[in-house]
Amino acid sequence: MKKIYLDNAATTPIISQVIQTITEVMTETFGNPSSTHQFGRKARTIVEEARKGIAKHFNITASEIVFTAGGSEADNLILRNAVENLGVQHIITSKIEHHAVLHTVEALEKEHSIKVSFVNINEKGEIDYGHLEKLLAESKQKTLVSLMYINNEIGNILDLKKVCSLCKNNNVLFHSDTVQAIGHYHLDLQDTPIDFMVASAHKFHGPKGVGFAIIKKGFGIKPILVGGEQERGARAGTENVHNIAGMYKALDIAIAEIDKDTKYVSGLKRYFVEQLMNIDKNIQFNGLSAEVDGCSYIILNVRFTKDLPMFLFNLDLKGIAASGGSACQSGSNKGSHVLNAILSPEDALKTSVRFSLSKFTKIEEIDYTLEVIKNLI
């Protein structure tokens, strides 16, 4: 049976150079980076070299990076510090954020009685920047805006510079979940001054279970994990040395190859869209996902014309891995909170599938997938 992986927005395969780096560090540099002997010092050097190298990619200082177990922990660290340490009393976000943000904001609202406002979005999942500006102008409390750069389900791209400008003009903080963007788009944080952002290595062909938070210099951070002084007191626990090294290697490769990979994968996506429309001209695309410029070039969220029971299961039987969006595909009675927020009740019940590509996706795999889809619908 064929094995075709089209779920790269969920996680990506680890590239061979990264596996080699991880293996070498696990074998040769097993010391605890908090130890003062030569084994510990060597491990500490690897961690700090990774920190400096990653910081250079974003044009920031190494002290602005905190290593975490991934994007969700980084979001939690930032949002909790904003409320519990920086005095934020009002969070402006949207209803289509990742649950790492939405559920954390919900918990903070209950625990600290903060005000939470949701910016309007249209049927394509686009942020209403005029409404955001209105919310900011009306806010009388210390405020943080939390809006993701690239939506993980529909791929919509936020106008980061516009939001940065609105936040600066209204003297509020800006946090962006940038998990789907790191390693896929260039980001200069001097040019686009986001206060807080996050990354997860397994989204750019690195290992799972490691990521980082970027926290602008000057904001003191209190840990949500306590019991040690690692990460300059921001996160207790022995650093994941081999995975940090692997993440650094993966990011180096990803950023070096961004332009080449973007051109290749964008071409695959355009082809996929065109051929789907040839199969059925009534197929729709959720959010802006049929586009390349206004949407992530790896994400395509397809809405078929009706409910197709067991569609994902049947794709899997044919060796094709993808993700579901509608209630019948997700295994949840609630379905996708993103699609439920932007679609009509009728359209939300139709089968939606997120296909997500990578530089390892081959056009022959797209052709095979198209043939399977044609037979299933």
Protein backbone atom coordinates (compact mmCIF):
# COMPACT_ATOMS: atom_id res chain seq x y z
CA MET A 1 0.00 0.00 0.00
CA LYS A 2 1.17 3.52 -0.79
CA LYS A 3 2.08 5.81 2.12
CA ILE A 4 1.40 9.45 1.35
CA TYR A 5 1.80 12.01 4.10
CA LEU A 6 -0.28 15.17 3.62
CA ASP A 7 -0.57 16.29 7.24
CA ASN A 8 2.50 18.49 7.58
CA ALA A 9 0.65 21.21 9.50
CA ALA A 10 0.26 18.64 12.28
CA THR A 11 3.89 17.57 12.26
CA THR A 12 6.70 17.16 9.75
CA PRO A 13 9.15 14.33 9.11
CA ILE A 14 12.54 14.88 10.71
CA ILE A 15 15.24 15.43 8.11
CA SER A 16 18.31 13.22 8.10
CA GLN A 17 20.80 15.98 9.02
CA VAL A 18 18.76 16.75 12.13
CA ILE A 19 18.62 13.08 13.15
CA GLN A 20 22.39 12.93 12.75
CA THR A 21 22.88 16.02 14.94
CA ILE A 22 20.58 14.66 17.64
CA THR A 23 22.31 11.28 17.60
CA GLU A 24 25.77 12.84 17.88
CA VAL A 25 24.76 15.00 20.84
CA MET A 26 23.03 12.11 22.62
CA THR A 27 26.13 9.97 22.13
CA GLU A 28 28.92 12.44 22.77
CA THR A 29 27.44 15.24 24.89
CA PHE A 30 25.25 13.58 27.50
CA GLY A 31 26.23 15.85 30.40
CA ASN A 32 23.77 17.92 32.40
CA PRO A 33 24.20 21.54 31.27
CA SER A 34 23.84 22.70 34.88
CA SER A 35 26.88 20.65 35.95
CA THR A 36 30.18 22.53 36.31
CA HIS A 37 32.49 19.74 35.14
CA GLN A 38 33.66 19.38 31.55
CA PHE A 39 30.74 17.16 30.52
CA GLY A 40 28.24 19.73 31.79
CA ARG A 41 30.14 22.66 30.30
CA LYS A 42 30.14 21.03 26.88
CA ALA A 43 26.38 20.50 27.07
CA ARG A 44 25.89 24.09 28.23
CA THR A 45 27.91 25.31 25.24
CA ILE A 46 25.61 23.46 22.84
CA VAL A 47 22.49 24.98 24.44
CA GLU A 48 23.88 28.52 24.40
CA GLU A 49 25.23 28.25 20.86
CA ALA A 50 21.75 27.16 19.76
CA ARG A 51 20.20 30.07 21.63
CA LYS A 52 22.55 32.58 19.98
CA GLY A 53 22.12 31.06 16.54
CA ILE A 54 18.33 31.02 16.73
CA ALA A 55 18.28 34.60 18.03
CA LYS A 56 20.39 35.73 15.07
CA HIS A 57 17.75 34.41 12.65
CA PHE A 58 15.18 36.79 14.17
CA ASN A 59 17.55 39.74 14.74
CA ILE A 60 17.16 39.67 18.52
CA THR A 61 19.42 38.96 21.49
CA ALA A 62 19.95 35.46 22.90
CA SER A 63 18.54 36.54 26.25
CA GLU A 64 15.11 36.96 24.61
CA ILE A 65 14.78 33.23 23.93
CA VAL A 66 13.43 30.71 26.46
CA PHE A 67 13.55 27.04 25.45
CA THR A 68 10.34 25.10 26.13
CA ALA A 69 8.76 21.74 25.37
CA GLY A 70 6.94 23.25 22.40
CA GLY A 71 4.55 25.94 21.23
CA SER A 72 1.73 25.20 23.64
CA GLU A 73 3.97 25.56 26.68
CA ALA A 74 5.44 28.75 25.23
CA ASP A 75 1.95 30.22 24.72
CA ASN A 76 1.04 29.33 28.31
CA LEU A 77 4.26 30.85 29.66
CA ILE A 78 3.68 34.12 27.82
CA LEU A 79 -0.03 34.54 28.51
CA ARG A 80 0.25 33.65 32.18
CA ASN A 81 3.15 36.04 32.64
CA ALA A 82 1.24 38.80 30.89
CA VAL A 83 -1.56 38.55 33.45
CA GLU A 84 0.23 37.38 36.59
CA ASN A 85 3.49 39.29 36.19
CA LEU A 86 2.95 42.19 33.79
CA GLY A 87 -0.44 43.34 35.04
CA VAL A 88 -2.51 42.71 31.90
CA GLN A 89 -6.22 42.97 32.71
CA HIS A 90 -7.67 42.81 29.21
CA ILE A 91 -6.89 40.29 26.44
CA ILE A 92 -8.10 40.81 22.87
CA THR A 93 -8.03 37.65 20.77
CA SER A 94 -10.16 35.79 18.21
CA LYS A 95 -12.36 32.72 18.28
CA ILE A 96 -10.20 30.92 15.72
CA GLU A 97 -6.96 30.86 17.71
CA HIS A 98 -5.22 27.60 18.59
CA HIS A 99 -6.54 26.01 21.77
CA ALA A 100 -3.16 26.63 23.40
CA VAL A 101 -4.24 30.27 23.41
CA LEU A 102 -8.02 30.01 23.73
CA HIS A 103 -8.02 27.55 26.62
CA THR A 104 -5.27 29.45 28.43
CA VAL A 105 -7.16 32.73 28.06
CA GLU A 106 -10.32 31.01 29.29
CA ALA A 107 -8.49 29.73 32.36
CA LEU A 108 -6.97 33.15 33.08
CA GLU A 109 -10.40 34.76 32.77
CA LYS A 110 -11.74 32.42 35.46
CA GLU A 111 -8.72 32.62 37.74
CA HIS A 112 -8.06 36.37 37.56
CA SER A 113 -11.37 37.87 36.37
CA ILE A 114 -9.67 39.56 33.43
CA LYS A 115 -11.68 41.02 30.58
CA VAL A 116 -11.61 39.06 27.32
CA SER A 117 -12.72 40.56 23.99
CA PHE A 118 -13.01 38.76 20.66
CA VAL A 119 -12.25 40.65 17.48
CA ASN A 120 -14.73 40.11 14.65
CA ILE A 121 -13.85 37.77 11.79
CA ASN A 122 -15.61 37.32 8.46
CA GLU A 123 -16.77 34.17 6.68
CA LYS A 124 -13.26 33.74 5.22
CA GLY A 125 -11.66 33.86 8.67
CA GLU A 126 -10.13 37.30 8.07
CA ILE A 127 -9.58 39.60 11.03
CA ASP A 128 -11.64 42.80 11.07
CA TYR A 129 -8.80 45.28 11.63
CA GLY A 130 -11.26 48.15 12.01
CA HIS A 131 -12.96 46.33 14.87
CA LEU A 132 -9.57 45.57 16.43
CA GLU A 133 -8.69 49.26 16.29
CA LYS A 134 -12.03 50.09 17.92
CA LEU A 135 -11.47 47.57 20.73
CA LEU A 136 -8.00 48.98 21.35
CA ALA A 137 -9.22 52.58 21.40
CA GLU A 138 -11.97 51.72 23.88
CA SER A 139 -9.80 49.68 26.25
CA LYS A 140 -9.06 51.48 29.53
CA GLN A 141 -7.04 48.66 31.11
CA LYS A 142 -3.58 47.28 30.47
CA THR A 143 -4.15 45.21 27.34
CA LEU A 144 -2.55 42.38 25.39
CA VAL A 145 -3.53 41.38 21.85
CA SER A 146 -3.09 37.68 21.04
CA LEU A 147 -3.58 36.82 17.35
CA MET A 148 -1.88 33.98 15.52
CA TYR A 149 0.30 34.74 12.50
CA ILE A 150 -0.89 31.75 10.46
CA ASN A 151 -4.04 29.83 11.32
CA ASN A 152 -3.24 26.15 11.69
CA GLU A 153 -6.51 24.95 10.11
CA ILE A 154 -7.28 27.35 7.25
CA GLY A 155 -3.82 28.87 6.79
CA ASN A 156 -4.91 32.55 6.79
CA ILE A 157 -1.99 34.95 7.25
CA LEU A 158 -2.33 37.85 9.69
CA ASP A 159 -1.05 41.29 8.68
CA LEU A 160 1.62 41.34 11.38
CA LYS A 161 2.92 44.81 10.61
CA LYS A 162 -0.57 46.29 10.75
CA VAL A 163 -1.28 44.69 14.13
CA CYS A 164 2.14 45.73 15.45
CA SER A 165 1.39 49.31 14.41
CA LEU A 166 -2.07 49.28 16.01
CA CYS A 167 -0.65 47.87 19.24
CA LYS A 168 2.21 50.38 19.33
CA ASN A 169 -0.14 53.31 18.67
CA ASN A 170 -2.40 52.20 21.52
CA ASN A 171 0.45 51.25 23.89
CA VAL A 172 -0.61 47.62 24.25
CA LEU A 173 1.33 44.34 24.18
CA PHE A 174 1.23 41.96 21.22
CA HIS A 175 1.57 38.17 21.40
CA SER A 176 1.39 36.00 18.28
CA ASP A 177 1.29 32.22 18.06
CA THR A 178 3.76 31.88 15.18
CA VAL A 179 4.09 28.08 15.26
CA GLN A 180 2.92 27.59 11.66
CA ALA A 181 5.21 30.34 10.35
CA ILE A 182 8.63 29.68 11.90
CA GLY A 183 10.89 28.01 9.37
CA HIS A 184 8.49 28.86 6.53
CA TYR A 185 8.59 32.68 6.49
CA HIS A 186 11.33 35.21 7.19
CA LEU A 187 10.75 37.25 10.37
CA ASP A 188 12.92 40.19 11.43
CA LEU A 189 11.72 41.30 14.85
CA GLN A 190 13.38 44.70 14.51
CA ASP A 191 11.28 45.31 11.41
CA THR A 192 8.16 43.63 12.88
CA PRO A 193 8.36 44.32 16.63
CA ILE A 194 6.18 41.57 18.13
CA ASP A 195 6.51 41.50 21.92
CA PHE A 196 5.97 37.75 22.32
CA MET A 197 6.02 34.83 19.88
CA VAL A 198 6.49 31.06 19.91
CA ALA A 199 7.89 28.16 17.90
CA SER A 200 7.73 24.38 17.85
CA ALA A 201 10.53 22.44 16.17
CA HIS A 202 8.40 19.63 14.77
CA LYS A 203 6.62 22.09 12.43
CA PHE A 204 9.84 22.71 10.47
CA HIS A 205 11.29 19.19 10.21
CA GLY A 206 12.81 19.16 13.69
CA PRO A 207 12.13 16.92 16.69
CA LYS A 208 8.92 16.84 18.74
CA GLY A 209 8.85 18.02 22.34
CA VAL A 210 11.01 21.12 21.98
CA GLY A 211 10.34 24.73 21.04
CA PHE A 212 10.94 28.23 22.30
CA ALA A 213 9.28 31.44 23.41
CA ILE A 214 10.57 34.82 22.29
CA ILE A 215 10.01 37.42 24.99
CA LYS A 216 11.11 40.97 24.25
CA LYS A 217 13.95 42.20 26.42
CA GLY A 218 12.80 44.12 29.48
CA PHE A 219 9.86 41.92 30.43
CA GLY A 220 10.61 39.94 33.57
CA ILE A 221 9.45 36.34 33.40
CA LYS A 222 8.23 34.16 36.24
CA PRO A 223 8.24 30.41 35.61
CA ILE A 224 5.11 28.28 35.37
CA LEU A 225 7.35 25.25 35.95
CA VAL A 226 9.27 25.66 39.21
CA GLY A 227 11.96 23.69 40.97
CA GLY A 228 15.16 24.84 39.29
CA GLU A 229 16.97 27.88 37.94
CA GLN A 230 17.33 26.74 34.34
CA GLU A 231 16.61 29.12 31.48
CA ARG A 232 17.68 32.06 33.64
CA GLY A 233 14.95 31.18 36.10
CA ALA A 234 12.18 31.24 33.47
CA ARG A 235 11.68 27.46 33.28
CA ALA A 236 12.71 24.75 35.71
CA GLY A 237 13.95 21.42 34.40
CA THR A 238 17.08 20.07 32.76
CA GLU A 239 17.37 21.42 29.23
CA ASN A 240 16.58 18.99 26.42
CA VAL A 241 20.08 19.34 25.00
CA HIS A 242 19.97 16.95 22.05
CA ASN A 243 16.57 18.20 20.87
CA ILE A 244 17.59 21.84 21.26
CA ALA A 245 20.60 21.10 19.05
CA GLY A 246 18.31 19.31 16.59
CA MET A 247 15.88 22.23 16.55
CA TYR A 248 18.71 24.67 15.83
CA LYS A 249 19.93 22.49 12.97
CA ALA A 250 16.41 22.17 11.53
CA LEU A 251 15.82 25.92 11.72
CA ASP A 252 19.18 26.66 10.06
CA ILE A 253 18.28 24.38 7.16
CA ALA A 254 14.69 25.62 6.90
CA ILE A 255 15.66 29.28 6.76
CA ALA A 256 18.48 28.66 4.29
CA GLU A 257 16.02 26.89 1.98
CA ILE A 258 12.90 29.03 2.50
CA ASP A 259 12.87 30.64 -0.94
CA LYS A 260 13.46 27.38 -2.81
CA ASP A 261 10.93 25.44 -0.71
CA THR A 262 8.29 28.18 -0.96
CA LYS A 263 8.50 28.19 -4.76
CA TYR A 264 8.28 24.40 -4.99
CA VAL A 265 5.47 23.83 -2.48
CA SER A 266 3.46 26.81 -3.75
CA GLY A 267 3.52 25.23 -7.22
CA LEU A 268 2.23 21.94 -5.79
CA LYS A 269 -0.57 23.75 -3.98
CA ARG A 270 -1.69 25.63 -7.09
CA TYR A 271 -1.73 22.37 -9.02
CA PHE A 272 -3.72 20.63 -6.27
CA VAL A 273 -6.35 23.40 -6.30
CA GLU A 274 -6.67 23.39 -10.10
CA GLN A 275 -7.06 19.62 -10.29
CA LEU A 276 -9.61 19.52 -7.47
CA MET A 277 -11.71 22.05 -9.36
CA ASN A 278 -11.45 19.84 -12.45
CA ILE A 279 -12.89 16.96 -10.42
CA ASP A 280 -15.80 19.04 -9.12
CA LYS A 281 -16.18 22.77 -9.82
CA ASN A 282 -18.47 23.06 -6.77
CA ILE A 283 -15.73 22.16 -4.29
CA GLN A 284 -15.04 25.06 -1.92
CA PHE A 285 -11.95 26.03 0.08
CA ASN A 286 -12.26 27.14 3.70
CA GLY A 287 -10.78 30.47 4.68
CA LEU A 288 -8.29 31.80 2.16
CA SER A 289 -6.68 28.41 1.76
CA ALA A 290 -7.06 28.27 -2.03
CA GLU A 291 -4.68 31.22 -2.25
CA VAL A 292 -0.91 31.27 -1.93
CA ASP A 293 -0.24 34.91 -1.10
CA GLY A 294 -2.89 35.42 1.60
CA CYS A 295 -2.51 31.95 3.02
CA SER A 296 0.18 29.53 4.11
CA TYR A 297 1.63 27.85 1.05
CA ILE A 298 1.50 24.46 2.78
CA ILE A 299 -2.16 24.43 3.92
CA LEU A 300 -5.21 23.61 1.79
CA ASN A 301 -8.55 23.19 3.60
CA VAL A 302 -11.06 21.61 1.23
CA ARG A 303 -14.84 21.61 1.75
CA PHE A 304 -16.72 19.07 -0.31
CA THR A 305 -20.31 19.55 -1.44
CA LYS A 306 -21.89 17.24 1.14
CA ASP A 307 -21.26 15.10 4.18
CA LEU A 308 -19.06 12.17 3.19
CA PRO A 309 -19.09 9.68 6.09
CA MET A 310 -15.81 7.90 6.80
CA PHE A 311 -13.96 10.03 4.24
CA LEU A 312 -10.76 10.39 6.29
CA PHE A 313 -10.90 6.72 7.21
CA ASN A 314 -11.17 5.79 3.54
CA LEU A 315 -8.26 8.07 2.67
CA ASP A 316 -6.24 6.32 5.35
CA LEU A 317 -7.17 2.92 3.91
CA LYS A 318 -5.62 4.12 0.66
CA GLY A 319 -2.47 5.19 2.48
CA ILE A 320 -3.18 8.94 2.54
CA ALA A 321 -2.75 10.90 5.79
CA ALA A 322 -4.73 14.14 6.17
CA SER A 323 -6.70 15.94 8.89
CA GLY A 324 -10.44 16.45 9.30
CA GLY A 325 -12.36 19.63 9.90
CA SER A 326 -16.07 18.90 10.08
CA ALA A 327 -17.73 17.19 13.03
CA CYS A 328 -18.09 13.81 11.32
CA GLN A 329 -14.39 13.78 10.43
CA SER A 330 -12.81 15.07 13.62
CA GLY A 331 -14.10 12.42 16.00
CA SER A 332 -15.67 15.18 18.07
CA ASN A 333 -19.30 16.18 18.36
CA LYS A 334 -18.17 19.80 18.44
CA GLY A 335 -16.14 19.60 15.26
CA SER A 336 -13.59 22.23 14.34
CA HIS A 337 -13.97 25.40 16.41
CA VAL A 338 -12.34 27.32 13.56
CA LEU A 339 -14.78 26.11 10.89
CA ASN A 340 -17.74 26.44 13.24
CA ALA A 341 -16.77 30.08 13.79
CA ILE A 342 -16.65 31.02 10.10
CA LEU A 343 -19.05 28.69 8.27
CA SER A 344 -22.83 28.58 8.13
CA PRO A 345 -24.40 25.68 10.09
CA GLU A 346 -25.16 23.98 6.77
CA ASP A 347 -21.60 24.27 5.43
CA ALA A 348 -20.09 23.25 8.78
CA LEU A 349 -21.80 19.87 8.43
CA LYS A 350 -20.20 19.18 5.06
CA THR A 351 -17.00 17.20 4.99
CA SER A 352 -13.90 19.40 5.23
CA VAL A 353 -10.36 18.04 5.01
CA ARG A 354 -7.07 19.82 5.62
CA PHE A 355 -4.29 18.68 3.33
CA SER A 356 -0.89 20.13 4.20
CA LEU A 357 2.21 19.81 2.06
CA SER A 358 5.97 19.93 2.53
CA LYS A 359 9.13 20.05 0.46
CA PHE A 360 9.08 16.25 0.51
CA THR A 361 5.66 16.03 -1.16
CA LYS A 362 5.84 14.78 -4.75
CA ILE A 363 3.51 15.68 -7.58
CA GLU A 364 2.92 11.95 -8.16
CA GLU A 365 1.54 11.78 -4.61
CA ILE A 366 -0.84 14.65 -5.36
CA ASP A 367 -2.00 12.84 -8.52
CA TYR A 368 -2.65 9.62 -6.61
CA THR A 369 -4.55 11.54 -3.92
CA LEU A 370 -6.66 13.27 -6.55
CA GLU A 371 -7.57 9.94 -8.10
CA VAL A 372 -8.60 8.55 -4.71
CA ILE A 373 -10.68 11.66 -3.96
CA LYS A 374 -12.38 11.38 -7.35
CA ASN A 375 -13.38 7.80 -6.62
CA LEU A 376 -14.58 8.57 -3.09
CA ILE A 377 -16.82 11.48 -4.04
